[in-house]
ModelCIF file with pLDDT and N, C-alpha, C, O atoms, coordinates in Angstrom:
data_MODEL
#
_entry.id   MODEL 
#
_entity.id                         1 
_entity.type                       polymer 
_entity.pdbx_number_of_molecules   1 
#
_entity_poly.entity_id                      1 
_entity_poly.type                           'polypeptide(L)' 
_entity_poly.nstd_linkage                   no 
_entity_poly.nstd_monomer                   no 
_entity_poly.pdbx_seq_one_letter_code       
;(UNK)(UNK)(UNK)(UNK)(UNK)(UNK)(UNK)(UNK)(UNK)(UNK)(UNK)(UNK)(UNK)(UNK)(UNK)(UNK)
(UNK)(UNK)(UNK)(UNK)(UNK)(UNK)(UNK)(UNK)(UNK)(UNK)(UNK)(UNK)(UNK)(UNK)(UNK)(UNK)
(UNK)(UNK)(UNK)(UNK)(UNK)(UNK)(UNK)(UNK)(UNK)(UNK)(UNK)(UNK)(UNK)(UNK)(UNK)(UNK)
;
_entity_poly.pdbx_seq_one_letter_code_can   XXXXXXXXXXXXXXXXXXXXXXXXXXXXXXXXXXXXXXXXXXXXXXXX 
_entity_poly.pdbx_strand_id                 A 
#
loop_
_entity_poly_seq.entity_id 
_entity_poly_seq.num 
_entity_poly_seq.mon_id 
_entity_poly_seq.hetero 
1 1  UNK n 
1 2  UNK n 
1 3  UNK n 
1 4  UNK n 
1 5  UNK n 
1 6  UNK n 
1 7  UNK n 
1 8  UNK n 
1 9  UNK n 
1 10 UNK n 
1 11 UNK n 
1 12 UNK n 
1 13 UNK n 
1 14 UNK n 
1 15 UNK n 
1 16 UNK n 
1 17 UNK n 
1 18 UNK n 
1 19 UNK n 
1 20 UNK n 
1 21 UNK n 
1 22 UNK n 
1 23 UNK n 
1 24 UNK n 
1 25 UNK n 
1 26 UNK n 
1 27 UNK n 
1 28 UNK n 
1 29 UNK n 
1 30 UNK n 
1 31 UNK n 
1 32 UNK n 
1 33 UNK n 
1 34 UNK n 
1 35 UNK n 
1 36 UNK n 
1 37 UNK n 
1 38 UNK n 
1 39 UNK n 
1 40 UNK n 
1 41 UNK n 
1 42 UNK n 
1 43 UNK n 
1 44 UNK n 
1 45 UNK n 
1 46 UNK n 
1 47 UNK n 
1 48 UNK n 
#
_struct_asym.id          A 
_struct_asym.entity_id   1 
#
loop_
_ma_qa_metric.id 
_ma_qa_metric.mode 
_ma_qa_metric.name 
_ma_qa_metric.software_group_id 
_ma_qa_metric.type 
1 global pLDDT . pLDDT 
2 local  pLDDT . pLDDT 
#
_ma_qa_metric_global.metric_id      1 
_ma_qa_metric_global.metric_value   95.52 
_ma_qa_metric_global.model_id       1 
_ma_qa_metric_global.ordinal_id     1 
#
loop_
_ma_qa_metric_local.label_asym_id 
_ma_qa_metric_local.label_comp_id 
_ma_qa_metric_local.label_seq_id 
_ma_qa_metric_local.metric_id 
_ma_qa_metric_local.metric_value 
_ma_qa_metric_local.model_id 
_ma_qa_metric_local.ordinal_id 
A UNK 1  2 94.00 1 1  
A UNK 2  2 94.00 1 2  
A UNK 3  2 93.00 1 3  
A UNK 4  2 94.00 1 4  
A UNK 5  2 91.00 1 5  
A UNK 6  2 92.00 1 6  
A UNK 7  2 93.00 1 7  
A UNK 8  2 92.00 1 8  
A UNK 9  2 94.00 1 9  
A UNK 10 2 97.00 1 10 
A UNK 11 2 97.00 1 11 
A UNK 12 2 98.00 1 12 
A UNK 13 2 98.00 1 13 
A UNK 14 2 98.00 1 14 
A UNK 15 2 98.00 1 15 
A UNK 16 2 97.00 1 16 
A UNK 17 2 97.00 1 17 
A UNK 18 2 97.00 1 18 
A UNK 19 2 96.00 1 19 
A UNK 20 2 95.00 1 20 
A UNK 21 2 92.00 1 21 
A UNK 22 2 94.00 1 22 
A UNK 23 2 96.00 1 23 
A UNK 24 2 96.00 1 24 
A UNK 25 2 96.00 1 25 
A UNK 26 2 96.00 1 26 
A UNK 27 2 95.00 1 27 
A UNK 28 2 95.00 1 28 
A UNK 29 2 94.00 1 29 
A UNK 30 2 95.00 1 30 
A UNK 31 2 96.00 1 31 
A UNK 32 2 97.00 1 32 
A UNK 33 2 98.00 1 33 
A UNK 34 2 98.00 1 34 
A UNK 35 2 98.00 1 35 
A UNK 36 2 98.00 1 36 
A UNK 37 2 98.00 1 37 
A UNK 38 2 98.00 1 38 
A UNK 39 2 97.00 1 39 
A UNK 40 2 96.00 1 40 
A UNK 41 2 93.00 1 41 
A UNK 42 2 94.00 1 42 
A UNK 43 2 94.00 1 43 
A UNK 44 2 94.00 1 44 
A UNK 45 2 92.00 1 45 
A UNK 46 2 95.00 1 46 
A UNK 47 2 97.00 1 47 
A UNK 48 2 98.00 1 48 
#
loop_
_atom_site.group_PDB 
_atom_site.id 
_atom_site.type_symbol 
_atom_site.label_atom_id 
_atom_site.label_alt_id 
_atom_site.label_comp_id 
_atom_site.label_asym_id 
_atom_site.label_entity_id 
_atom_site.label_seq_id 
_atom_site.pdbx_PDB_ins_code 
_atom_site.Cartn_x 
_atom_site.Cartn_y 
_atom_site.Cartn_z 
_atom_site.occupancy 
_atom_site.B_iso_or_equiv 
_atom_site.pdbx_formal_charge 
_atom_site.auth_seq_id 
_atom_site.auth_comp_id 
_atom_site.auth_asym_id 
_atom_site.auth_atom_id 
_atom_site.pdbx_PDB_model_num 
ATOM 1   N N  . UNK A 1 1  ? 9.390   -2.223  3.205   1.00 94.00 ? 1  UNK A N  1 
ATOM 2   C CA . UNK A 1 1  ? 7.968   -2.185  2.891   1.00 94.00 ? 1  UNK A CA 1 
ATOM 3   C C  . UNK A 1 1  ? 7.289   -1.085  3.712   1.00 94.00 ? 1  UNK A C  1 
ATOM 4   O O  . UNK A 1 1  ? 7.843   -0.611  4.704   1.00 94.00 ? 1  UNK A O  1 
ATOM 5   N N  . UNK A 1 2  ? 6.085   -0.684  3.292   1.00 94.00 ? 2  UNK A N  1 
ATOM 6   C CA . UNK A 1 2  ? 5.289   0.285   4.032   1.00 94.00 ? 2  UNK A CA 1 
ATOM 7   C C  . UNK A 1 2  ? 4.401   -0.465  5.019   1.00 94.00 ? 2  UNK A C  1 
ATOM 8   O O  . UNK A 1 2  ? 3.760   -1.452  4.658   1.00 94.00 ? 2  UNK A O  1 
ATOM 9   N N  . UNK A 1 3  ? 4.363   0.001   6.257   1.00 93.00 ? 3  UNK A N  1 
ATOM 10  C CA . UNK A 1 3  ? 3.665   -0.705  7.323   1.00 93.00 ? 3  UNK A CA 1 
ATOM 11  C C  . UNK A 1 3  ? 2.600   0.203   7.917   1.00 93.00 ? 3  UNK A C  1 
ATOM 12  O O  . UNK A 1 3  ? 2.914   1.155   8.630   1.00 93.00 ? 3  UNK A O  1 
ATOM 13  N N  . UNK A 1 4  ? 1.341   -0.093  7.622   1.00 94.00 ? 4  UNK A N  1 
ATOM 14  C CA . UNK A 1 4  ? 0.225   0.712   8.100   1.00 94.00 ? 4  UNK A CA 1 
ATOM 15  C C  . UNK A 1 4  ? -0.426  -0.013  9.280   1.00 94.00 ? 4  UNK A C  1 
ATOM 16  O O  . UNK A 1 4  ? -1.164  -0.980  9.090   1.00 94.00 ? 4  UNK A O  1 
ATOM 17  N N  . UNK A 1 5  ? -0.155  0.448   10.467  1.00 91.00 ? 5  UNK A N  1 
ATOM 18  C CA . UNK A 1 5  ? -0.637  -0.197  11.682  1.00 91.00 ? 5  UNK A CA 1 
ATOM 19  C C  . UNK A 1 5  ? -1.859  0.570   12.177  1.00 91.00 ? 5  UNK A C  1 
ATOM 20  O O  . UNK A 1 5  ? -1.725  1.588   12.856  1.00 91.00 ? 5  UNK A O  1 
ATOM 21  N N  . UNK A 1 6  ? -3.031  0.087   11.840  1.00 92.00 ? 6  UNK A N  1 
ATOM 22  C CA . UNK A 1 6  ? -4.302  0.672   12.285  1.00 92.00 ? 6  UNK A CA 1 
ATOM 23  C C  . UNK A 1 6  ? -4.337  2.187   12.077  1.00 92.00 ? 6  UNK A C  1 
ATOM 24  O O  . UNK A 1 6  ? -4.307  2.937   13.053  1.00 92.00 ? 6  UNK A O  1 
ATOM 25  N N  . UNK A 1 7  ? -4.398  2.649   10.837  1.00 93.00 ? 7  UNK A N  1 
ATOM 26  C CA . UNK A 1 7  ? -4.452  4.089   10.568  1.00 93.00 ? 7  UNK A CA 1 
ATOM 27  C C  . UNK A 1 7  ? -5.616  4.755   11.297  1.00 93.00 ? 7  UNK A C  1 
ATOM 28  O O  . UNK A 1 7  ? -6.652  4.133   11.530  1.00 93.00 ? 7  UNK A O  1 
ATOM 29  N N  . UNK A 1 8  ? -5.433  6.033   11.656  1.00 92.00 ? 8  UNK A N  1 
ATOM 30  C CA . UNK A 1 8  ? -6.453  6.777   12.383  1.00 92.00 ? 8  UNK A CA 1 
ATOM 31  C C  . UNK A 1 8  ? -7.548  7.323   11.472  1.00 92.00 ? 8  UNK A C  1 
ATOM 32  O O  . UNK A 1 8  ? -8.507  7.925   11.955  1.00 92.00 ? 8  UNK A O  1 
ATOM 33  N N  . UNK A 1 9  ? -7.418  7.122   10.167  1.00 94.00 ? 9  UNK A N  1 
ATOM 34  C CA . UNK A 1 9  ? -8.428  7.533   9.191   1.00 94.00 ? 9  UNK A CA 1 
ATOM 35  C C  . UNK A 1 9  ? -8.221  6.762   7.899   1.00 94.00 ? 9  UNK A C  1 
ATOM 36  O O  . UNK A 1 9  ? -7.276  5.982   7.788   1.00 94.00 ? 9  UNK A O  1 
ATOM 37  N N  . UNK A 1 10 ? -9.088  6.970   6.926   1.00 97.00 ? 10 UNK A N  1 
ATOM 38  C CA . UNK A 1 10 ? -8.935  6.317   5.628   1.00 97.00 ? 10 UNK A CA 1 
ATOM 39  C C  . UNK A 1 10 ? -7.658  6.795   4.949   1.00 97.00 ? 10 UNK A C  1 
ATOM 40  O O  . UNK A 1 10 ? -7.321  7.978   5.005   1.00 97.00 ? 10 UNK A O  1 
ATOM 41  N N  . UNK A 1 11 ? -6.953  5.868   4.308   1.00 97.00 ? 11 UNK A N  1 
ATOM 42  C CA . UNK A 1 11 ? -5.720  6.180   3.594   1.00 97.00 ? 11 UNK A CA 1 
ATOM 43  C C  . UNK A 1 11 ? -5.919  5.929   2.099   1.00 97.00 ? 11 UNK A C  1 
ATOM 44  O O  . UNK A 1 11 ? -6.643  5.015   1.705   1.00 97.00 ? 11 UNK A O  1 
ATOM 45  N N  . UNK A 1 12 ? -5.267  6.755   1.269   1.00 98.00 ? 12 UNK A N  1 
ATOM 46  C CA . UNK A 1 12 ? -5.447  6.674   -0.181  1.00 98.00 ? 12 UNK A CA 1 
ATOM 47  C C  . UNK A 1 12 ? -4.094  6.637   -0.884  1.00 98.00 ? 12 UNK A C  1 
ATOM 48  O O  . UNK A 1 12 ? -3.226  7.474   -0.634  1.00 98.00 ? 12 UNK A O  1 
ATOM 49  N N  . UNK A 1 13 ? -3.927  5.652   -1.770  1.00 98.00 ? 13 UNK A N  1 
ATOM 50  C CA . UNK A 1 13 ? -2.765  5.542   -2.655  1.00 98.00 ? 13 UNK A CA 1 
ATOM 51  C C  . UNK A 1 13 ? -3.300  5.543   -4.081  1.00 98.00 ? 13 UNK A C  1 
ATOM 52  O O  . UNK A 1 13 ? -3.929  4.572   -4.501  1.00 98.00 ? 13 UNK A O  1 
ATOM 53  N N  . UNK A 1 14 ? -3.063  6.609   -4.829  1.00 98.00 ? 14 UNK A N  1 
ATOM 54  C CA . UNK A 1 14 ? -3.712  6.778   -6.122  1.00 98.00 ? 14 UNK A CA 1 
ATOM 55  C C  . UNK A 1 14 ? -2.715  7.200   -7.199  1.00 98.00 ? 14 UNK A C  1 
ATOM 56  O O  . UNK A 1 14 ? -1.964  8.159   -7.020  1.00 98.00 ? 14 UNK A O  1 
ATOM 57  N N  . UNK A 1 15 ? -2.713  6.473   -8.321  1.00 98.00 ? 15 UNK A N  1 
ATOM 58  C CA . UNK A 1 15 ? -1.968  6.822   -9.537  1.00 98.00 ? 15 UNK A CA 1 
ATOM 59  C C  . UNK A 1 15 ? -0.464  6.943   -9.297  1.00 98.00 ? 15 UNK A C  1 
ATOM 60  O O  . UNK A 1 15 ? 0.195   7.811   -9.871  1.00 98.00 ? 15 UNK A O  1 
ATOM 61  N N  . UNK A 1 16 ? 0.070   6.076   -8.454  1.00 97.00 ? 16 UNK A N  1 
ATOM 62  C CA . UNK A 1 16 ? 1.515   6.059   -8.209  1.00 97.00 ? 16 UNK A CA 1 
ATOM 63  C C  . UNK A 1 16 ? 2.181   4.947   -9.006  1.00 97.00 ? 16 UNK A C  1 
ATOM 64  O O  . UNK A 1 16 ? 1.533   3.992   -9.434  1.00 97.00 ? 16 UNK A O  1 
ATOM 65  N N  . UNK A 1 17 ? 3.484   5.090   -9.193  1.00 97.00 ? 17 UNK A N  1 
ATOM 66  C CA . UNK A 1 17 ? 4.289   4.049   -9.824  1.00 97.00 ? 17 UNK A CA 1 
ATOM 67  C C  . UNK A 1 17 ? 5.287   3.551   -8.780  1.00 97.00 ? 17 UNK A C  1 
ATOM 68  O O  . UNK A 1 17 ? 6.100   4.320   -8.268  1.00 97.00 ? 17 UNK A O  1 
ATOM 69  N N  . UNK A 1 18 ? 5.215   2.254   -8.472  1.00 97.00 ? 18 UNK A N  1 
ATOM 70  C CA . UNK A 1 18 ? 6.108   1.635   -7.494  1.00 97.00 ? 18 UNK A CA 1 
ATOM 71  C C  . UNK A 1 18 ? 7.093   0.738   -8.242  1.00 97.00 ? 18 UNK A C  1 
ATOM 72  O O  . UNK A 1 18 ? 6.691   -0.230  -8.887  1.00 97.00 ? 18 UNK A O  1 
ATOM 73  N N  . UNK A 1 19 ? 8.375   1.061   -8.155  1.00 96.00 ? 19 UNK A N  1 
ATOM 74  C CA . UNK A 1 19 ? 9.417   0.328   -8.864  1.00 96.00 ? 19 UNK A CA 1 
ATOM 75  C C  . UNK A 1 19 ? 10.403  -0.230  -7.840  1.00 96.00 ? 19 UNK A C  1 
ATOM 76  O O  . UNK A 1 19 ? 10.872  0.499   -6.966  1.00 96.00 ? 19 UNK A O  1 
ATOM 77  N N  . UNK A 1 20 ? 10.716  -1.519  -7.947  1.00 95.00 ? 20 UNK A N  1 
ATOM 78  C CA . UNK A 1 20 ? 11.617  -2.119  -6.972  1.00 95.00 ? 20 UNK A CA 1 
ATOM 79  C C  . UNK A 1 20 ? 11.042  -2.035  -5.574  1.00 95.00 ? 20 UNK A C  1 
ATOM 80  O O  . UNK A 1 20 ? 11.761  -1.786  -4.607  1.00 95.00 ? 20 UNK A O  1 
ATOM 81  N N  . UNK A 1 21 ? 9.737   -2.245  -5.475  1.00 92.00 ? 21 UNK A N  1 
ATOM 82  C CA . UNK A 1 21 ? 8.997   -1.994  -4.238  1.00 92.00 ? 21 UNK A CA 1 
ATOM 83  C C  . UNK A 1 21 ? 8.893   -3.262  -3.403  1.00 92.00 ? 21 UNK A C  1 
ATOM 84  O O  . UNK A 1 21 ? 8.870   -4.371  -3.936  1.00 92.00 ? 21 UNK A O  1 
ATOM 85  N N  . UNK A 1 22 ? 8.830   -3.082  -2.072  1.00 94.00 ? 22 UNK A N  1 
ATOM 86  C CA . UNK A 1 22 ? 8.736   -4.224  -1.164  1.00 94.00 ? 22 UNK A CA 1 
ATOM 87  C C  . UNK A 1 22 ? 7.358   -4.415  -0.557  1.00 94.00 ? 22 UNK A C  1 
ATOM 88  O O  . UNK A 1 22 ? 7.169   -5.311  0.266   1.00 94.00 ? 22 UNK A O  1 
ATOM 89  N N  . UNK A 1 23 ? 6.386   -3.590  -0.947  1.00 96.00 ? 23 UNK A N  1 
ATOM 90  C CA . UNK A 1 23 ? 5.012   -3.871  -0.594  1.00 96.00 ? 23 UNK A CA 1 
ATOM 91  C C  . UNK A 1 23 ? 4.377   -2.925  0.404   1.00 96.00 ? 23 UNK A C  1 
ATOM 92  O O  . UNK A 1 23 ? 5.059   -2.192  1.120   1.00 96.00 ? 23 UNK A O  1 
ATOM 93  N N  . UNK A 1 24 ? 3.032   -2.960  0.432   1.00 96.00 ? 24 UNK A N  1 
ATOM 94  C CA . UNK A 1 24 ? 2.217   -2.247  1.413   1.00 96.00 ? 24 UNK A CA 1 
ATOM 95  C C  . UNK A 1 24 ? 1.608   -3.294  2.328   1.00 96.00 ? 24 UNK A C  1 
ATOM 96  O O  . UNK A 1 24 ? 0.905   -4.190  1.862   1.00 96.00 ? 24 UNK A O  1 
ATOM 97  N N  . UNK A 1 25 ? 1.871   -3.193  3.629   1.00 96.00 ? 25 UNK A N  1 
ATOM 98  C CA . UNK A 1 25 ? 1.342   -4.127  4.623   1.00 96.00 ? 25 UNK A CA 1 
ATOM 99  C C  . UNK A 1 25 ? 0.396   -3.351  5.530   1.00 96.00 ? 25 UNK A C  1 
ATOM 100 O O  . UNK A 1 25 ? 0.815   -2.406  6.199   1.00 96.00 ? 25 UNK A O  1 
ATOM 101 N N  . UNK A 1 26 ? -0.882  -3.743  5.559   1.00 96.00 ? 26 UNK A N  1 
ATOM 102 C CA . UNK A 1 26 ? -1.893  -2.945  6.251   1.00 96.00 ? 26 UNK A CA 1 
ATOM 103 C C  . UNK A 1 26 ? -2.692  -3.772  7.243   1.00 96.00 ? 26 UNK A C  1 
ATOM 104 O O  . UNK A 1 26 ? -3.058  -4.916  6.976   1.00 96.00 ? 26 UNK A O  1 
ATOM 105 N N  . UNK A 1 27 ? -2.953  -3.168  8.386   1.00 95.00 ? 27 UNK A N  1 
ATOM 106 C CA . UNK A 1 27 ? -3.937  -3.657  9.341   1.00 95.00 ? 27 UNK A CA 1 
ATOM 107 C C  . UNK A 1 27 ? -4.897  -2.516  9.624   1.00 95.00 ? 27 UNK A C  1 
ATOM 108 O O  . UNK A 1 27 ? -4.459  -1.395  9.884   1.00 95.00 ? 27 UNK A O  1 
ATOM 109 N N  . UNK A 1 28 ? -6.193  -2.775  9.579   1.00 95.00 ? 28 UNK A N  1 
ATOM 110 C CA . UNK A 1 28 ? -7.173  -1.697  9.702   1.00 95.00 ? 28 UNK A CA 1 
ATOM 111 C C  . UNK A 1 28 ? -8.148  -1.973  10.836  1.00 95.00 ? 28 UNK A C  1 
ATOM 112 O O  . UNK A 1 28 ? -8.408  -3.119  11.205  1.00 95.00 ? 28 UNK A O  1 
ATOM 113 N N  . UNK A 1 29 ? -8.679  -0.877  11.374  1.00 94.00 ? 29 UNK A N  1 
ATOM 114 C CA . UNK A 1 29 ? -9.665  -0.976  12.441  1.00 94.00 ? 29 UNK A CA 1 
ATOM 115 C C  . UNK A 1 29 ? -10.662 0.173   12.269  1.00 94.00 ? 29 UNK A C  1 
ATOM 116 O O  . UNK A 1 29 ? -10.423 1.293   12.721  1.00 94.00 ? 29 UNK A O  1 
ATOM 117 N N  . UNK A 1 30 ? -11.784 -0.127  11.605  1.00 95.00 ? 30 UNK A N  1 
ATOM 118 C CA . UNK A 1 30 ? -12.811 0.872   11.390  1.00 95.00 ? 30 UNK A CA 1 
ATOM 119 C C  . UNK A 1 30 ? -12.538 1.843   10.264  1.00 95.00 ? 30 UNK A C  1 
ATOM 120 O O  . UNK A 1 30 ? -13.339 2.745   10.017  1.00 95.00 ? 30 UNK A O  1 
ATOM 121 N N  . UNK A 1 31 ? -11.416 1.674   9.572   1.00 96.00 ? 31 UNK A N  1 
ATOM 122 C CA . UNK A 1 31 ? -11.075 2.552   8.451   1.00 96.00 ? 31 UNK A CA 1 
ATOM 123 C C  . UNK A 1 31 ? -10.660 1.705   7.253   1.00 96.00 ? 31 UNK A C  1 
ATOM 124 O O  . UNK A 1 31 ? -10.518 0.487   7.357   1.00 96.00 ? 31 UNK A O  1 
ATOM 125 N N  . UNK A 1 32 ? -10.469 2.364   6.123   1.00 97.00 ? 32 UNK A N  1 
ATOM 126 C CA . UNK A 1 32 ? -10.153 1.667   4.881   1.00 97.00 ? 32 UNK A CA 1 
ATOM 127 C C  . UNK A 1 32 ? -8.823  2.161   4.318   1.00 97.00 ? 32 UNK A C  1 
ATOM 128 O O  . UNK A 1 32 ? -8.436  3.314   4.510   1.00 97.00 ? 32 UNK A O  1 
ATOM 129 N N  . UNK A 1 33 ? -8.143  1.268   3.624   1.00 98.00 ? 33 UNK A N  1 
ATOM 130 C CA . UNK A 1 33 ? -6.960  1.617   2.846   1.00 98.00 ? 33 UNK A CA 1 
ATOM 131 C C  . UNK A 1 33 ? -7.311  1.392   1.379   1.00 98.00 ? 33 UNK A C  1 
ATOM 132 O O  . UNK A 1 33 ? -7.559  0.262   0.959   1.00 98.00 ? 33 UNK A O  1 
ATOM 133 N N  . UNK A 1 34 ? -7.331  2.475   0.603   1.00 98.00 ? 34 UNK A N  1 
ATOM 134 C CA . UNK A 1 34 ? -7.682  2.408   -0.813  1.00 98.00 ? 34 UNK A CA 1 
ATOM 135 C C  . UNK A 1 34 ? -6.405  2.471   -1.653  1.00 98.00 ? 34 UNK A C  1 
ATOM 136 O O  . UNK A 1 34 ? -5.645  3.437   -1.570  1.00 98.00 ? 34 UNK A O  1 
ATOM 137 N N  . UNK A 1 35 ? -6.180  1.442   -2.455  1.00 98.00 ? 35 UNK A N  1 
ATOM 138 C CA . UNK A 1 35 ? -5.013  1.375   -3.336  1.00 98.00 ? 35 UNK A CA 1 
ATOM 139 C C  . UNK A 1 35 ? -5.552  1.284   -4.754  1.00 98.00 ? 35 UNK A C  1 
ATOM 140 O O  . UNK A 1 35 ? -5.950  0.207   -5.199  1.00 98.00 ? 35 UNK A O  1 
ATOM 141 N N  . UNK A 1 36 ? -5.568  2.407   -5.470  1.00 98.00 ? 36 UNK A N  1 
ATOM 142 C CA . UNK A 1 36 ? -6.263  2.469   -6.760  1.00 98.00 ? 36 UNK A CA 1 
ATOM 143 C C  . UNK A 1 36 ? -5.398  3.113   -7.835  1.00 98.00 ? 36 UNK A C  1 
ATOM 144 O O  . UNK A 1 36 ? -4.715  4.108   -7.594  1.00 98.00 ? 36 UNK A O  1 
ATOM 145 N N  . UNK A 1 37 ? -5.444  2.523   -9.027  1.00 98.00 ? 37 UNK A N  1 
ATOM 146 C CA . UNK A 1 37 ? -4.790  3.070   -10.222 1.00 98.00 ? 37 UNK A CA 1 
ATOM 147 C C  . UNK A 1 37 ? -3.284  3.235   -10.061 1.00 98.00 ? 37 UNK A C  1 
ATOM 148 O O  . UNK A 1 37 ? -2.701  4.203   -10.550 1.00 98.00 ? 37 UNK A O  1 
ATOM 149 N N  . UNK A 1 38 ? -2.660  2.281   -9.372  1.00 98.00 ? 38 UNK A N  1 
ATOM 150 C CA . UNK A 1 38 ? -1.208  2.293   -9.224  1.00 98.00 ? 38 UNK A CA 1 
ATOM 151 C C  . UNK A 1 38 ? -0.561  1.249   -10.131 1.00 98.00 ? 38 UNK A C  1 
ATOM 152 O O  . UNK A 1 38 ? -1.221  0.324   -10.603 1.00 98.00 ? 38 UNK A O  1 
ATOM 153 N N  . UNK A 1 39 ? 0.734   1.413   -10.365 1.00 97.00 ? 39 UNK A N  1 
ATOM 154 C CA . UNK A 1 39 ? 1.515   0.447   -11.130 1.00 97.00 ? 39 UNK A CA 1 
ATOM 155 C C  . UNK A 1 39 ? 2.569   -0.162  -10.201 1.00 97.00 ? 39 UNK A C  1 
ATOM 156 O O  . UNK A 1 39 ? 3.285   0.554   -9.501  1.00 97.00 ? 39 UNK A O  1 
ATOM 157 N N  . UNK A 1 40 ? 2.649   -1.485  -10.207 1.00 96.00 ? 40 UNK A N  1 
ATOM 158 C CA . UNK A 1 40 ? 3.658   -2.200  -9.425  1.00 96.00 ? 40 UNK A CA 1 
ATOM 159 C C  . UNK A 1 40 ? 4.503   -3.032  -10.388 1.00 96.00 ? 40 UNK A C  1 
ATOM 160 O O  . UNK A 1 40 ? 3.975   -3.903  -11.079 1.00 96.00 ? 40 UNK A O  1 
ATOM 161 N N  . UNK A 1 41 ? 5.812   -2.769  -10.437 1.00 93.00 ? 41 UNK A N  1 
ATOM 162 C CA . UNK A 1 41 ? 6.673   -3.664  -11.203 1.00 93.00 ? 41 UNK A CA 1 
ATOM 163 C C  . UNK A 1 41 ? 8.102   -3.657  -10.670 1.00 93.00 ? 41 UNK A C  1 
ATOM 164 O O  . UNK A 1 41 ? 8.500   -2.799  -9.881  1.00 93.00 ? 41 UNK A O  1 
ATOM 165 N N  . UNK A 1 42 ? 8.859   -4.659  -11.142 1.00 94.00 ? 42 UNK A N  1 
ATOM 166 C CA . UNK A 1 42 ? 10.169  -4.959  -10.578 1.00 94.00 ? 42 UNK A CA 1 
ATOM 167 C C  . UNK A 1 42 ? 10.033  -5.160  -9.070  1.00 94.00 ? 42 UNK A C  1 
ATOM 168 O O  . UNK A 1 42 ? 10.808  -4.617  -8.284  1.00 94.00 ? 42 UNK A O  1 
ATOM 169 N N  . UNK A 1 43 ? 9.034   -5.950  -8.685  1.00 94.00 ? 43 UNK A N  1 
ATOM 170 C CA . UNK A 1 43 ? 8.700   -6.168  -7.278  1.00 94.00 ? 43 UNK A CA 1 
ATOM 171 C C  . UNK A 1 43 ? 9.844   -6.862  -6.553  1.00 94.00 ? 43 UNK A C  1 
ATOM 172 O O  . UNK A 1 43 ? 10.357  -7.878  -7.021  1.00 94.00 ? 43 UNK A O  1 
ATOM 173 N N  . UNK A 1 44 ? 10.246  -6.303  -5.394  1.00 94.00 ? 44 UNK A N  1 
ATOM 174 C CA . UNK A 1 44 ? 11.370  -6.852  -4.637  1.00 94.00 ? 44 UNK A CA 1 
ATOM 175 C C  . UNK A 1 44 ? 10.953  -7.600  -3.380  1.00 94.00 ? 44 UNK A C  1 
ATOM 176 O O  . UNK A 1 44 ? 11.728  -8.399  -2.855  1.00 94.00 ? 44 UNK A O  1 
ATOM 177 N N  . UNK A 1 45 ? 9.751   -7.356  -2.892  1.00 92.00 ? 45 UNK A N  1 
ATOM 178 C CA . UNK A 1 45 ? 9.264   -8.039  -1.706  1.00 92.00 ? 45 UNK A CA 1 
ATOM 179 C C  . UNK A 1 45 ? 8.406   -9.229  -2.053  1.00 92.00 ? 45 UNK A C  1 
ATOM 180 O O  . UNK A 1 45 ? 8.170   -9.491  -3.232  1.00 92.00 ? 45 UNK A O  1 
ATOM 181 N N  . UNK A 1 46 ? 7.921   -9.976  -1.037  1.00 95.00 ? 46 UNK A N  1 
ATOM 182 C CA . UNK A 1 46 ? 7.123   -11.179 -1.281  1.00 95.00 ? 46 UNK A CA 1 
ATOM 183 C C  . UNK A 1 46 ? 5.682   -10.897 -1.685  1.00 95.00 ? 46 UNK A C  1 
ATOM 184 O O  . UNK A 1 46 ? 4.934   -11.835 -1.962  1.00 95.00 ? 46 UNK A O  1 
ATOM 185 N N  . UNK A 1 47 ? 5.273   -9.637  -1.727  1.00 97.00 ? 47 UNK A N  1 
ATOM 186 C CA . UNK A 1 47 ? 3.916   -9.269  -2.114  1.00 97.00 ? 47 UNK A CA 1 
ATOM 187 C C  . UNK A 1 47 ? 3.918   -7.788  -2.510  1.00 97.00 ? 47 UNK A C  1 
ATOM 188 O O  . UNK A 1 47 ? 4.853   -7.051  -2.197  1.00 97.00 ? 47 UNK A O  1 
ATOM 189 N N  . UNK A 1 48 ? 2.852   -7.369  -3.204  1.00 98.00 ? 48 UNK A N  1 
ATOM 190 C CA . UNK A 1 48 ? 2.657   -5.948  -3.457  1.00 98.00 ? 48 UNK A CA 1 
ATOM 191 C C  . UNK A 1 48 ? 1.753   -5.335  -2.389  1.00 98.00 ? 48 UNK A C  1 
ATOM 192 O O  . UNK A 1 48 ? 1.471   -4.138  -2.432  1.00 98.00 ? 48 UNK A O  1 
#
């Protein structure tokens, strides 16, 4: 899985296709993680 531990700025995930994916795990402090217009399928982890 992808592990975002308090990014130093805003992060953007846009128009991606995730296949057999194990998820995005994020913790934020004063910034935002934007996950927009993506496709998730054949999910392999416990969450997207």
